[in-house]
Protein backbone atom coordinates (compact mmCIF):
# COMPACT_ATOMS: atom_id res chain seq x y z
CA MET A 1 -24.02 60.36 -66.57
CA SER A 2 -24.14 62.49 -63.41
CA ASP A 3 -21.11 64.09 -61.78
CA VAL A 4 -21.44 61.68 -58.84
CA SER A 5 -21.39 58.63 -61.06
CA MET A 6 -18.51 60.04 -63.10
CA SER A 7 -16.43 60.62 -59.97
CA THR A 8 -16.69 56.92 -59.19
CA LEU A 9 -14.48 56.30 -62.22
CA VAL A 10 -11.57 58.18 -60.63
CA PRO A 11 -10.15 55.33 -58.48
CA LEU A 12 -10.69 52.62 -61.09
CA PRO A 13 -7.26 52.98 -62.82
CA VAL A 14 -5.67 52.13 -59.46
CA VAL A 15 -8.21 49.63 -58.18
CA LEU A 16 -8.50 47.63 -61.41
CA THR A 17 -4.74 47.26 -61.83
CA LEU A 18 -4.26 46.14 -58.23
CA LEU A 19 -7.10 43.62 -58.54
CA GLY A 20 -5.56 42.48 -61.81
CA ALA A 21 -2.20 41.99 -60.11
CA GLY A 22 -3.82 39.68 -57.59
CA ALA A 23 -5.77 37.83 -60.28
CA THR A 24 -2.72 37.24 -62.48
CA LEU A 25 -0.76 35.99 -59.50
CA MET A 26 -3.47 33.39 -58.83
CA LEU A 27 -3.42 32.47 -62.53
CA SER A 28 0.31 31.73 -62.49
CA ARG A 29 -0.23 28.29 -64.03
CA ARG A 30 -2.44 29.65 -66.80
CA PRO A 31 -0.35 32.09 -68.88
CA GLN A 32 -3.02 32.61 -71.53
CA ALA A 33 -5.48 33.70 -68.84
CA GLN A 34 -2.84 36.00 -67.36
CA ARG A 35 -2.34 37.70 -70.69
CA PHE A 36 -6.06 38.13 -71.23
CA VAL A 37 -6.56 39.68 -67.78
CA THR A 38 -3.62 42.06 -68.12
CA ILE A 39 -4.49 43.25 -71.62
CA THR A 40 -8.16 43.70 -70.73
CA ILE A 41 -7.38 45.73 -67.62
CA LEU A 42 -4.87 48.00 -69.36
CA ALA A 43 -7.30 48.60 -72.23
CA ALA A 44 -10.04 49.41 -69.71
CA VAL A 45 -7.74 51.88 -67.93
CA ALA A 46 -7.07 53.64 -71.24
CA VAL A 47 -10.81 53.98 -71.90
CA ILE A 48 -11.49 55.23 -68.37
CA ALA A 49 -8.67 57.76 -68.68
CA ALA A 50 -10.13 59.07 -71.94
CA VAL A 51 -13.56 59.49 -70.31
CA LEU A 52 -12.01 61.28 -67.31
CA MET A 53 -10.08 63.55 -69.65
CA VAL A 54 -13.25 64.62 -71.45
CA GLN A 55 -15.17 65.00 -68.19
CA ALA A 56 -12.43 67.05 -66.49
CA ASP A 57 -12.22 69.33 -69.51
CA SER A 58 -15.99 69.85 -69.60
CA ASN A 59 -16.97 69.90 -65.93
CA GLY A 60 -13.81 70.58 -63.97
CA PRO A 61 -11.77 68.32 -61.67
CA GLN A 62 -13.37 64.99 -60.74
CA VAL A 63 -12.88 64.19 -57.05
CA LEU A 64 -13.59 61.13 -54.94
CA TRP A 65 -12.94 60.86 -51.21
CA LEU A 66 -12.12 57.22 -50.47
CA GLY A 67 -14.08 55.43 -47.76
CA GLY A 68 -16.78 58.07 -47.63
CA TRP A 69 -14.76 60.29 -45.30
CA ALA A 70 -15.66 63.96 -45.49
CA SER A 71 -13.02 66.44 -46.58
CA PRO A 72 -10.33 66.96 -45.50
CA LEU A 73 -9.98 63.84 -43.32
CA GLY A 74 -9.97 61.14 -45.99
CA ILE A 75 -7.82 60.29 -48.98
CA ALA A 76 -8.77 62.27 -52.07
CA LEU A 77 -8.20 61.13 -55.63
CA VAL A 78 -8.43 63.97 -58.16
CA ALA A 79 -8.60 63.86 -61.94
CA ASP A 80 -8.17 67.34 -63.41
CA ARG A 81 -7.08 68.18 -66.95
CA LEU A 82 -3.40 67.62 -66.20
CA SER A 83 -3.68 64.31 -64.36
CA ALA A 84 -6.27 62.93 -66.81
CA LEU A 85 -4.01 63.63 -69.79
CA MET A 86 -1.02 62.02 -68.07
CA LEU A 87 -3.20 59.06 -67.17
CA LEU A 88 -4.37 58.56 -70.75
CA VAL A 89 -0.89 58.78 -72.27
CA SER A 90 0.57 56.44 -69.65
CA ALA A 91 -2.26 53.93 -70.19
CA VAL A 92 -1.66 53.79 -73.94
CA VAL A 93 2.09 53.47 -73.47
CA THR A 94 1.89 50.70 -70.86
CA LEU A 95 -0.57 48.74 -73.00
CA MET A 96 1.79 48.85 -75.99
CA VAL A 97 4.77 47.90 -73.83
CA LEU A 98 2.84 44.96 -72.39
CA LEU A 99 1.94 43.71 -75.87
CA TYR A 100 5.58 44.13 -76.93
CA SER A 101 6.83 42.17 -73.93
CA LEU A 102 4.41 39.36 -74.73
CA GLY A 103 5.72 39.24 -78.29
CA GLN A 104 9.28 39.15 -77.03
CA ARG A 105 8.60 36.31 -74.63
CA MET A 106 6.82 34.24 -77.27
CA THR A 107 10.04 34.30 -79.28
CA GLY A 108 12.07 33.10 -76.31
CA GLU A 109 14.23 36.22 -76.50
CA GLU A 110 14.06 37.13 -72.83
CA ALA A 111 14.71 34.29 -70.45
CA GLY A 112 14.37 35.28 -66.85
CA ALA A 113 11.76 35.49 -64.16
CA PRO A 114 8.64 33.39 -64.61
CA LEU A 115 5.72 34.95 -66.42
CA SER A 116 3.71 34.67 -63.22
CA ILE A 117 5.95 37.35 -61.70
CA TYR A 118 6.06 39.64 -64.71
CA HIS A 119 2.31 40.28 -65.08
CA PRO A 120 1.50 41.05 -61.42
CA THR A 121 4.57 43.24 -61.09
CA PHE A 122 3.82 45.14 -64.29
CA LEU A 123 0.26 45.82 -63.11
CA VAL A 124 1.53 47.06 -59.74
CA LEU A 125 3.83 49.42 -61.62
CA VAL A 126 0.88 50.74 -63.64
CA ALA A 127 -1.14 51.12 -60.43
CA GLY A 128 1.68 53.16 -58.91
CA VAL A 129 1.88 55.45 -61.93
CA SER A 130 -1.90 55.94 -61.94
CA ASN A 131 -1.98 56.58 -58.20
CA ALA A 132 0.77 59.19 -58.53
CA PHE A 133 -1.17 61.10 -61.18
CA LEU A 134 -4.44 60.95 -59.22
CA ALA A 135 -3.09 61.51 -55.70
CA GLY A 136 -4.70 64.46 -53.93
CA ASP A 137 -2.27 64.55 -51.02
CA LEU A 138 1.44 64.19 -50.40
CA PHE A 139 1.23 60.97 -48.41
CA ASN A 140 -0.70 59.16 -51.13
CA LEU A 141 1.89 60.43 -53.59
CA PHE A 142 4.58 58.92 -51.36
CA VAL A 143 2.70 55.60 -51.40
CA ALA A 144 2.57 55.77 -55.19
CA PHE A 145 6.33 56.27 -55.40
CA GLU A 146 6.90 53.31 -53.10
CA MET A 147 4.68 51.13 -55.31
CA LEU A 148 6.81 52.20 -58.26
CA LEU A 149 10.02 51.43 -56.40
CA PHE A 150 8.90 47.94 -55.41
CA ALA A 151 7.66 47.00 -58.86
CA SER A 152 10.49 48.65 -60.79
CA TYR A 153 13.18 46.87 -58.77
CA VAL A 154 11.64 43.48 -59.59
CA LEU A 155 11.33 44.36 -63.29
CA LEU A 156 14.80 45.87 -63.43
CA THR A 157 16.44 42.68 -62.15
CA LEU A 158 14.49 40.20 -64.31
CA GLY A 159 16.84 37.40 -65.27
CA GLY A 160 19.12 37.90 -62.28
CA THR A 161 22.26 38.70 -64.28
CA GLU A 162 25.16 40.40 -62.53
CA ALA A 163 24.77 43.62 -64.55
CA ARG A 164 21.06 43.83 -63.78
CA ILE A 165 21.51 43.15 -60.07
CA ARG A 166 24.23 45.82 -59.91
CA ALA A 167 22.09 48.36 -61.78
CA GLY A 168 19.08 47.47 -59.65
CA THR A 169 21.09 47.97 -56.49
CA ILE A 170 22.14 51.46 -57.58
CA TYR A 171 18.56 52.26 -58.50
CA VAL A 172 17.17 51.05 -55.19
CA VAL A 173 19.79 52.80 -53.06
CA VAL A 174 19.21 56.13 -54.78
CA ASN A 175 15.44 55.80 -54.58
CA MET A 176 15.52 54.73 -50.94
CA LEU A 177 17.51 57.86 -50.17
CA SER A 178 14.97 59.97 -52.02
CA SER A 179 12.14 58.15 -50.21
CA SER A 180 13.78 58.91 -46.88
CA LEU A 181 14.04 62.55 -47.89
CA PHE A 182 10.39 62.44 -48.94
CA LEU A 183 9.38 61.16 -45.49
CA ILE A 184 11.37 63.97 -43.85
CA SER A 185 9.60 66.41 -46.14
CA LEU A 186 6.20 64.99 -45.20
CA ALA A 187 6.98 65.35 -41.51
CA ALA A 188 8.14 68.94 -41.99
CA VAL A 189 5.10 69.89 -44.07
CA TYR A 190 2.66 68.36 -41.60
CA SER A 191 4.44 69.96 -38.66
CA ALA A 192 4.22 73.39 -40.29
CA THR A 193 0.69 73.20 -41.69
CA GLY A 194 -1.20 70.35 -39.99
CA SER A 195 -2.20 68.83 -43.33
CA LEU A 196 -0.85 66.90 -46.31
CA ASN A 197 -3.83 67.44 -48.61
CA PHE A 198 -2.85 69.44 -51.70
CA ALA A 199 -5.93 71.67 -51.65
CA GLN A 200 -5.57 72.45 -47.94
CA LEU A 201 -1.86 73.06 -48.32
CA ALA A 202 -2.57 75.51 -51.12
CA VAL A 203 -4.45 77.59 -48.53
CA ARG A 204 -2.31 77.04 -45.45
CA LEU A 205 1.17 77.45 -46.94
CA GLY A 206 0.38 81.10 -47.55
CA GLU A 207 -0.16 81.57 -43.83
CA ILE A 208 3.24 80.34 -42.61
CA PRO A 209 6.50 82.36 -42.56
CA ASP A 210 8.24 82.76 -45.91
CA GLY A 211 11.43 81.11 -44.67
CA THR A 212 9.57 78.01 -43.52
CA ALA A 213 7.71 77.76 -46.83
CA LEU A 214 11.00 78.09 -48.72
CA MET A 215 12.56 75.26 -46.70
CA LEU A 216 9.57 72.99 -47.38
CA GLN A 217 9.72 73.80 -51.07
CA LEU A 218 13.44 72.98 -51.23
CA LEU A 219 12.87 69.64 -49.52
CA LEU A 220 10.10 68.64 -51.91
CA LEU A 221 11.91 69.87 -55.01
CA THR A 222 15.05 67.95 -54.09
CA THR A 223 13.02 64.78 -53.58
CA PHE A 224 11.26 65.08 -56.92
CA ALA A 225 14.41 66.20 -58.73
CA ILE A 226 15.97 62.83 -57.88
CA LYS A 227 12.89 61.04 -59.20
CA ALA A 228 12.88 63.15 -62.37
CA ALA A 229 16.67 62.78 -62.93
CA ILE A 230 17.39 66.52 -62.98
CA PHE A 231 21.09 67.43 -63.01
CA PRO A 232 23.11 67.04 -60.80
CA LEU A 233 20.80 64.37 -59.33
CA SER A 234 20.64 62.39 -62.59
CA PHE A 235 23.87 60.42 -62.18
CA TRP A 236 22.04 57.16 -61.42
CA LEU A 237 19.90 56.92 -64.55
CA PRO A 238 22.35 56.12 -67.40
CA ASP A 239 23.78 53.19 -65.43
CA SER A 240 20.43 51.83 -64.23
CA TYR A 241 18.16 51.78 -67.27
CA PRO A 242 20.24 50.27 -70.14
CA THR A 243 20.80 46.89 -68.44
CA ALA A 244 17.10 46.03 -68.09
CA PRO A 245 15.09 44.05 -70.69
CA ALA A 246 13.89 46.22 -73.59
CA PRO A 247 10.22 46.58 -72.55
CA VAL A 248 11.21 47.35 -68.96
CA THR A 249 13.72 49.99 -70.06
CA ALA A 250 11.08 51.47 -72.36
CA VAL A 251 8.43 51.91 -69.69
CA PHE A 252 11.01 53.20 -67.20
CA ALA A 253 12.38 55.77 -69.65
CA GLY A 254 8.98 56.83 -70.87
CA LEU A 255 7.09 57.07 -67.59
CA LEU A 256 8.99 56.97 -64.33
CA THR A 257 10.97 60.18 -64.67
CA LYS A 258 7.80 61.94 -65.90
CA VAL A 259 6.09 61.11 -62.61
CA GLY A 260 8.78 63.18 -60.92
CA VAL A 261 8.26 66.01 -63.43
CA TYR A 262 4.51 65.83 -62.83
CA ALA A 263 5.07 66.13 -59.07
CA ILE A 264 7.26 69.21 -59.56
CA LEU A 265 4.67 70.79 -61.82
CA ARG A 266 1.91 70.06 -59.32
CA ILE A 267 3.64 71.52 -56.27
CA GLN A 268 5.03 74.53 -58.12
CA THR A 269 1.61 75.56 -59.39
CA LEU A 270 -0.66 74.52 -56.54
CA LEU A 271 1.48 74.85 -53.41
CA PHE A 272 4.07 77.47 -54.31
CA PRO A 273 2.53 79.66 -57.03
CA ASP A 274 4.76 82.67 -56.34
CA SER A 275 7.91 80.64 -56.01
CA PRO A 276 11.23 82.40 -55.44
CA LEU A 277 12.92 79.26 -56.76
CA SER A 278 11.79 79.60 -60.38
CA GLY A 279 15.21 80.95 -61.31
CA LEU A 280 16.89 77.96 -59.65
CA LEU A 281 14.68 75.62 -61.68
CA MET A 282 15.70 77.39 -64.86
CA TRP A 283 19.39 77.04 -64.04
CA ALA A 284 18.79 73.35 -63.30
CA ALA A 285 17.00 73.03 -66.65
CA LEU A 286 19.96 74.62 -68.42
CA ALA A 287 22.47 72.27 -66.80
CA THR A 288 20.25 69.24 -67.41
CA MET A 289 19.86 70.00 -71.11
CA VAL A 290 23.52 70.71 -71.76
CA VAL A 291 25.16 68.02 -69.64
CA GLY A 292 22.68 65.39 -70.77
CA ILE A 293 23.13 65.98 -74.47
CA LEU A 294 26.92 66.19 -74.19
CA GLY A 295 26.81 62.81 -72.51
CA ALA A 296 24.59 61.47 -75.30
CA ILE A 297 26.91 62.41 -78.15
CA ALA A 298 29.84 60.74 -76.36
CA GLN A 299 28.19 57.30 -76.16
CA SER A 300 28.97 54.29 -78.32
CA ASP A 301 25.93 52.26 -77.25
CA ILE A 302 22.42 53.12 -78.42
CA LYS A 303 20.79 52.39 -75.06
CA ARG A 304 23.16 54.68 -73.20
CA MET A 305 22.82 57.37 -75.85
CA LEU A 306 19.05 57.35 -75.41
CA SER A 307 19.41 57.33 -71.62
CA PHE A 308 21.43 60.55 -71.80
CA THR A 309 18.99 62.16 -74.24
CA LEU A 310 16.26 61.26 -71.75
CA VAL A 311 18.08 63.25 -69.08
CA SER A 312 18.69 66.10 -71.50
CA HIS A 313 15.07 66.44 -72.57
CA ILE A 314 13.87 66.49 -68.97
CA GLY A 315 15.51 69.91 -69.07
CA TYR A 316 12.93 71.15 -71.58
CA MET A 317 10.09 70.25 -69.22
CA VAL A 318 11.78 71.86 -66.22
CA PHE A 319 12.43 74.93 -68.38
CA GLY A 320 8.69 75.32 -68.99
CA ILE A 321 7.92 74.88 -65.29
CA GLY A 322 10.61 77.38 -64.30
CA LEU A 323 9.13 80.06 -66.57
CA ALA A 324 6.05 80.01 -64.29
CA THR A 325 3.77 81.37 -67.03
CA GLY A 326 0.71 79.94 -68.72
CA ALA A 327 2.61 79.46 -71.96
CA GLY A 328 5.48 77.79 -70.13
CA PHE A 329 3.24 75.38 -68.24
CA SER A 330 1.29 74.57 -71.40
CA GLY A 331 4.48 73.86 -73.33
CA ALA A 332 5.80 71.69 -70.51
CA ILE A 333 2.57 69.63 -70.37
CA PHE A 334 2.55 69.15 -74.14
CA TYR A 335 6.21 68.17 -74.12
CA VAL A 336 5.72 65.64 -71.32
CA ALA A 337 2.92 63.93 -73.28
CA HIS A 338 5.06 63.93 -76.43
CA HIS A 339 8.19 62.69 -74.71
CA ILE A 340 6.49 59.82 -72.89
CA THR A 341 5.42 58.32 -76.20
CA ILE A 342 8.55 59.04 -78.22
CA GLN A 343 11.11 57.91 -75.64
CA THR A 344 9.20 54.70 -74.98
CA ALA A 345 8.93 54.00 -78.71
CA LEU A 346 12.67 54.50 -79.23
CA PHE A 347 13.59 52.05 -76.50
CA LEU A 348 11.20 49.49 -77.99
CA VAL A 349 12.95 49.97 -81.33
CA VAL A 350 16.30 49.45 -79.62
CA GLY A 351 14.97 46.13 -78.36
CA LEU A 352 14.25 45.18 -81.98
CA ILE A 353 17.75 46.29 -82.99
CA GLU A 354 19.26 44.12 -80.27
CA ARG A 355 17.26 41.13 -81.43
CA ARG A 356 18.04 41.62 -85.13
CA ALA A 357 21.71 42.56 -84.79
CA GLY A 358 22.62 40.80 -81.55
CA SER A 359 23.93 44.01 -79.97
CA THR A 360 23.25 47.71 -79.45
CA GLY A 361 26.94 48.71 -79.45
CA LEU A 362 27.70 51.11 -82.30
CA ILE A 363 31.19 49.65 -82.64
CA ARG A 364 29.72 46.26 -83.48
CA ILE A 365 26.76 46.78 -85.80
CA GLY A 366 26.15 48.23 -89.24
CA GLY A 367 24.14 47.77 -92.39
CA LEU A 368 20.79 47.51 -90.65
CA ALA A 369 19.06 49.64 -93.29
CA ARG A 370 19.79 46.96 -95.88
CA LEU A 371 19.32 44.06 -93.48
CA SER A 372 15.92 45.29 -92.24
CA PRO A 373 14.38 48.32 -94.00
CA LEU A 374 11.36 48.16 -91.69
CA LEU A 375 13.60 48.47 -88.65
CA ALA A 376 15.31 51.45 -90.28
CA ILE A 377 11.96 53.21 -90.68
CA LEU A 378 10.88 52.36 -87.15
CA PHE A 379 14.04 53.98 -85.78
CA PHE A 380 14.17 56.94 -88.15
CA VAL A 381 10.67 58.32 -87.51
CA PRO A 382 10.79 58.61 -83.68
CA ALA A 383 14.46 59.66 -83.81
CA MET A 384 13.58 62.63 -86.01
CA ASN A 385 10.64 63.40 -83.73
CA LEU A 386 12.95 63.36 -80.71
CA ALA A 387 15.30 65.75 -82.51
CA GLY A 388 12.42 68.12 -83.21
CA ILE A 389 12.26 67.97 -87.00
CA PRO A 390 9.20 69.89 -88.28
CA PRO A 391 6.29 69.35 -88.42
CA MET A 392 6.45 66.58 -85.79
CA SER A 393 5.19 66.90 -82.23
CA GLY A 394 8.73 67.30 -80.89
CA PHE A 395 9.16 70.41 -83.03
CA ILE A 396 5.79 71.79 -81.95
CA GLY A 397 6.54 71.23 -78.27
CA LYS A 398 9.97 72.83 -78.49
CA VAL A 399 8.69 75.83 -80.43
CA GLY A 400 6.01 76.36 -77.78
CA LEU A 401 8.58 76.28 -75.00
CA LEU A 402 11.02 78.56 -76.83
CA GLN A 403 8.25 81.06 -77.59
CA ALA A 404 7.27 81.02 -73.92
CA GLY A 405 10.89 81.77 -73.02
CA LEU A 406 11.04 84.67 -75.47
CA GLU A 407 7.82 86.10 -74.02
CA VAL A 408 9.35 86.23 -70.54
CA GLY A 409 12.21 88.25 -72.01
CA THR A 410 14.80 87.97 -69.22
CA PRO A 411 18.50 87.27 -69.82
CA LEU A 412 18.11 83.85 -68.20
CA SER A 413 15.11 82.94 -70.33
CA TYR A 414 16.97 84.04 -73.47
CA THR A 415 19.89 81.84 -72.38
CA LEU A 416 17.52 78.90 -71.97
CA VAL A 417 16.03 79.54 -75.40
CA ALA A 418 19.51 79.44 -76.96
CA ALA A 419 20.41 76.32 -74.96
CA GLY A 420 17.17 74.65 -76.04
CA ALA A 421 17.93 75.33 -79.71
CA VAL A 422 21.50 74.05 -79.38
CA THR A 423 20.33 70.96 -77.48
CA SER A 424 17.87 70.20 -80.26
CA LEU A 425 20.65 70.42 -82.86
CA LEU A 426 22.95 68.21 -80.78
CA THR A 427 20.11 65.70 -80.37
CA LEU A 428 19.85 65.60 -84.14
CA TYR A 429 23.62 65.04 -84.31
CA ALA A 430 23.45 62.19 -81.77
CA VAL A 431 20.66 60.32 -83.55
CA ALA A 432 22.20 61.02 -86.97
CA LYS A 433 25.50 59.58 -85.76
CA THR A 434 23.64 56.50 -84.53
CA TRP A 435 21.84 56.21 -87.85
CA GLY A 436 25.08 56.51 -89.83
CA LEU A 437 26.90 53.85 -87.86
CA ALA A 438 24.12 51.36 -87.18
CA PHE A 439 22.16 51.64 -90.42
CA TRP A 440 24.36 53.03 -93.22
CA ARG A 441 27.78 51.59 -92.37
CA THR A 442 28.26 48.03 -93.62
CA PRO A 443 28.68 45.06 -91.22
CA GLU A 444 32.13 44.51 -92.75
CA GLN A 445 33.27 47.99 -91.68
CA ALA A 446 32.00 47.33 -88.17
CA HIS A 447 33.85 44.01 -88.16
CA GLU A 448 37.10 45.72 -89.14
CA MET A 449 36.59 48.21 -86.34
CA MET A 450 36.18 45.33 -83.91
CA ARG A 451 39.42 43.76 -85.12
CA ALA A 452 41.25 47.02 -84.57
CA LEU A 453 40.06 47.54 -81.00
CA PRO A 454 42.10 44.96 -79.05
CA GLY A 455 45.46 46.40 -80.15
CA LEU A 456 44.41 50.01 -80.13
CA GLU A 457 46.64 51.15 -77.26
CA ASP A 458 49.74 49.78 -79.02
CA ASP A 459 48.96 51.89 -82.07
CA LEU A 460 48.00 55.21 -80.47
CA ASP A 461 51.39 56.74 -81.25
CA GLU A 462 51.99 55.10 -84.62
CA ASN A 463 49.51 57.19 -86.64
CA GLN A 464 49.34 54.39 -89.18
CA HIS A 465 46.74 52.92 -91.48
CA ARG A 466 45.49 49.49 -90.51
CA HIS A 467 42.32 47.52 -91.27
CA GLY A 468 40.95 50.44 -93.29
CA PHE A 469 41.13 53.09 -90.49
CA VAL A 470 43.41 55.92 -89.48
CA ILE A 471 44.39 55.35 -85.83
CA HIS A 472 46.06 58.16 -83.92
CA ARG A 473 46.31 59.46 -80.38
CA GLN A 474 42.93 61.09 -79.95
CA HIS A 475 40.47 59.56 -82.38
CA VAL A 476 39.70 56.61 -84.57
CA HIS A 477 38.01 57.50 -87.87
CA VAL A 478 35.65 54.90 -89.27
CA ALA A 479 33.53 55.50 -92.34
CA GLY A 480 33.80 59.25 -91.84
CA THR A 481 32.86 59.19 -88.14
CA ALA A 482 35.26 60.02 -85.33
CA PHE A 483 35.31 57.99 -82.11
CA GLY A 484 37.03 59.70 -79.20
CA THR A 485 39.16 57.66 -76.81
CA ARG A 486 36.44 57.95 -74.15
CA GLU A 487 33.94 56.44 -76.56
CA LEU A 488 36.36 53.65 -77.39
CA ASP A 489 36.81 52.88 -73.69
CA GLU A 490 33.04 52.61 -73.43
CA ALA A 491 33.00 50.46 -76.56
CA ARG A 492 35.49 48.04 -75.04
CA ARG A 493 33.32 47.78 -71.93
CA VAL A 494 30.30 46.93 -74.09
CA VAL A 495 32.31 44.50 -76.19
CA ASP A 496 33.69 42.70 -73.15
CA VAL A 497 30.20 42.17 -71.76
CA ASP A 498 28.59 41.19 -75.04
CA ALA A 499 30.57 38.34 -76.64
CA PRO A 500 33.57 40.11 -78.25
CA ASP A 501 34.01 37.37 -80.82
CA ARG A 502 30.47 37.65 -82.15
CA ASP A 503 29.79 40.90 -84.01
CA LEU A 504 27.08 41.41 -86.62
CA HIS A 505 29.32 40.48 -89.55
CA GLN A 506 30.20 37.12 -88.00
CA ARG A 507 26.62 36.41 -86.98
CA LEU A 508 25.45 37.07 -90.52
CA ARG A 509 28.08 34.69 -91.89
CA ASP A 510 27.24 31.83 -89.56
CA GLY A 511 23.47 32.40 -89.75
CA SER A 512 22.94 32.71 -86.00
CA LEU A 513 20.70 35.78 -86.27
CA PRO A 514 16.90 35.51 -86.58
CA SER A 515 15.73 35.87 -90.16
CA ARG A 516 12.93 38.29 -89.35
CA LEU A 517 11.53 40.48 -86.60
CA PRO A 518 8.69 39.02 -84.51
CA LEU A 519 5.33 40.46 -85.48
CA GLY A 520 4.31 40.55 -81.83
CA MET A 521 7.12 43.03 -81.15
CA VAL A 522 6.86 45.05 -84.36
CA VAL A 523 3.12 45.77 -84.21
CA PRO A 524 3.08 47.40 -80.73
CA THR A 525 6.19 49.41 -81.63
CA ALA A 526 4.63 50.64 -84.87
CA ALA A 527 1.37 51.38 -83.06
CA LEU A 528 3.15 53.51 -80.47
CA ILE A 529 5.04 55.37 -83.19
CA GLY A 530 1.71 55.91 -84.90
CA PHE A 531 0.30 57.27 -81.64
CA SER A 532 3.21 59.73 -81.42
CA LEU A 533 2.52 60.85 -84.99
CA ALA A 534 -1.17 61.25 -84.07
CA LEU A 535 -0.07 63.82 -81.49
CA THR A 536 1.20 65.84 -84.45
CA LEU A 537 -2.10 65.53 -86.31
CA VAL A 538 -4.08 66.68 -83.28
CA ALA A 539 -1.46 69.17 -82.09
CA GLY A 540 -3.87 72.12 -82.41
CA PRO A 541 -6.65 70.69 -80.24
CA LEU A 542 -4.11 69.12 -77.88
CA TYR A 543 -2.29 72.44 -77.42
CA GLY A 544 -5.65 74.05 -76.75
CA TYR A 545 -6.26 71.44 -74.08
CA THR A 546 -2.84 72.01 -72.48
CA ASP A 547 -3.50 75.78 -72.56
CA ARG A 548 -6.71 75.22 -70.60
CA ALA A 549 -4.88 72.88 -68.22
CA ALA A 550 -2.15 75.49 -67.68
CA HIS A 551 -4.75 78.23 -67.08
CA ALA A 552 -6.46 76.04 -64.45
CA LEU A 553 -3.10 75.41 -62.78
CA LEU A 554 -2.42 79.13 -62.58
CA GLU A 555 -5.91 79.91 -61.30
CA ARG A 556 -5.81 77.14 -58.65
CA THR A 557 -9.39 77.90 -57.53
CA PRO A 558 -11.09 75.15 -59.60
CA TYR A 559 -8.88 72.49 -58.02
CA ILE A 560 -9.20 73.80 -54.46
CA SER A 561 -12.95 74.32 -54.59
CA SER A 562 -13.55 70.92 -56.21
CA VAL A 563 -11.60 69.13 -53.48
CA LEU A 564 -12.65 71.13 -50.41
CA GLY A 565 -16.07 72.31 -51.51
CA SER A 566 -17.57 74.69 -48.97
CA ASP A 567 -14.46 74.35 -46.77
CA SER A 568 -12.40 76.33 -49.30
């Protein structure tokens, strides 16, 4: 196939999903046809992404100027090694999430918006993600973010519950502020350079005063830091994601923040290659890792724990970008691909836990390993991968980043290496704590904990034994695990929202829980976990690919010449 014919594949991930959104909307009265269209399109996008990945690796960036406009007047879509890899991983993840959501709806688990809304909105979300990865200019990237915002707000508020509307409102307000800042950034960039095309900006930004370039970089980094949930701009995420339906939370956690990380990586390498702000990024990475993981270990709800680990592990990716070396960029790219799959898989597993146990609050559930051994395995494998247990892909990605930090050899990089190692250990502690409470502790112990909660304040000073616990001023010890008073406050909030008189022990006694997990939810979850394990099996070739992608990002010339041709 010629280069010209291959370049025509570049817009298809966006075009097909948008056409599919329109088709599924017209098929609102035919749910089976909707499902067929959506699954077919997402599978086709995955195949196209794989072809683009091979082609970009063999023949360089694939570029298509929309509408036949000559460069640099038109809108360019570009698939280089980085964007093609992100496109492939996102396509696989969204396909599995879609299959999972279909399985969940067939069981009647998630009552909410009509199916006719879900499919078109989900496809618009996928189109936005694809457009963000392929965008060759800042304005098209802005359009992609707005597509994501529109679709994600609809998905986030499915069901119309008070908690979801509140979380959706926070999400929209924060993202509208970041969108406004993005528009200001676009105006400033165009005013200073006369262009918004990435390849042209890579040439022209070197010709403007250093102070102006620094201001533009700060504006863009702040915008994308909000999207990526980098501390201290990550405050919105833990309250927004956990309230959504399981498949929605999964795709949000796995993909949306990574689009922000991708944007930071793109502008840092292509637009600001000799950035004076690399040190600032490394300090932000340090704060993000530490604050995020400390928040994770303080949570008493699995969804919120994973939301904080999501924030924490964004720090690893920013760490690699801040190093501004080939090894750092390669490690960051590998870690993004790993984390998209593993974080999405964990949130899908949490959806299964919620269905099987009726809750995700650690105060309320226990004994899941005996109740559902399959569920225990499905949680254990990605949890260990998230924690970086060798030889899994999480371990490989972290080792690559830590080695890159040691190669730089500055005091700040050494500090980040130490923080990365500590964060990995604390991640292991957080998931091990979750495992101990949710899977090893018996439902009866959880039930006794629930009975102790309502009168806890009256007993804080009594230091007495009651219901099988030791209750004192600072902690409650249950089955060898200490809950701080902050965690107990969070537990009460979860309990109040989620039927305080119905914990797992009581549900098991009255038989109100489903007897088995739906196959339509288990199979996509297991497939995604298998995909994450496949990253371990192909870690050598994949790391070679990310090394080549990082080298191309540092060199910049292949991208610029492919987009501008003779104009470069």
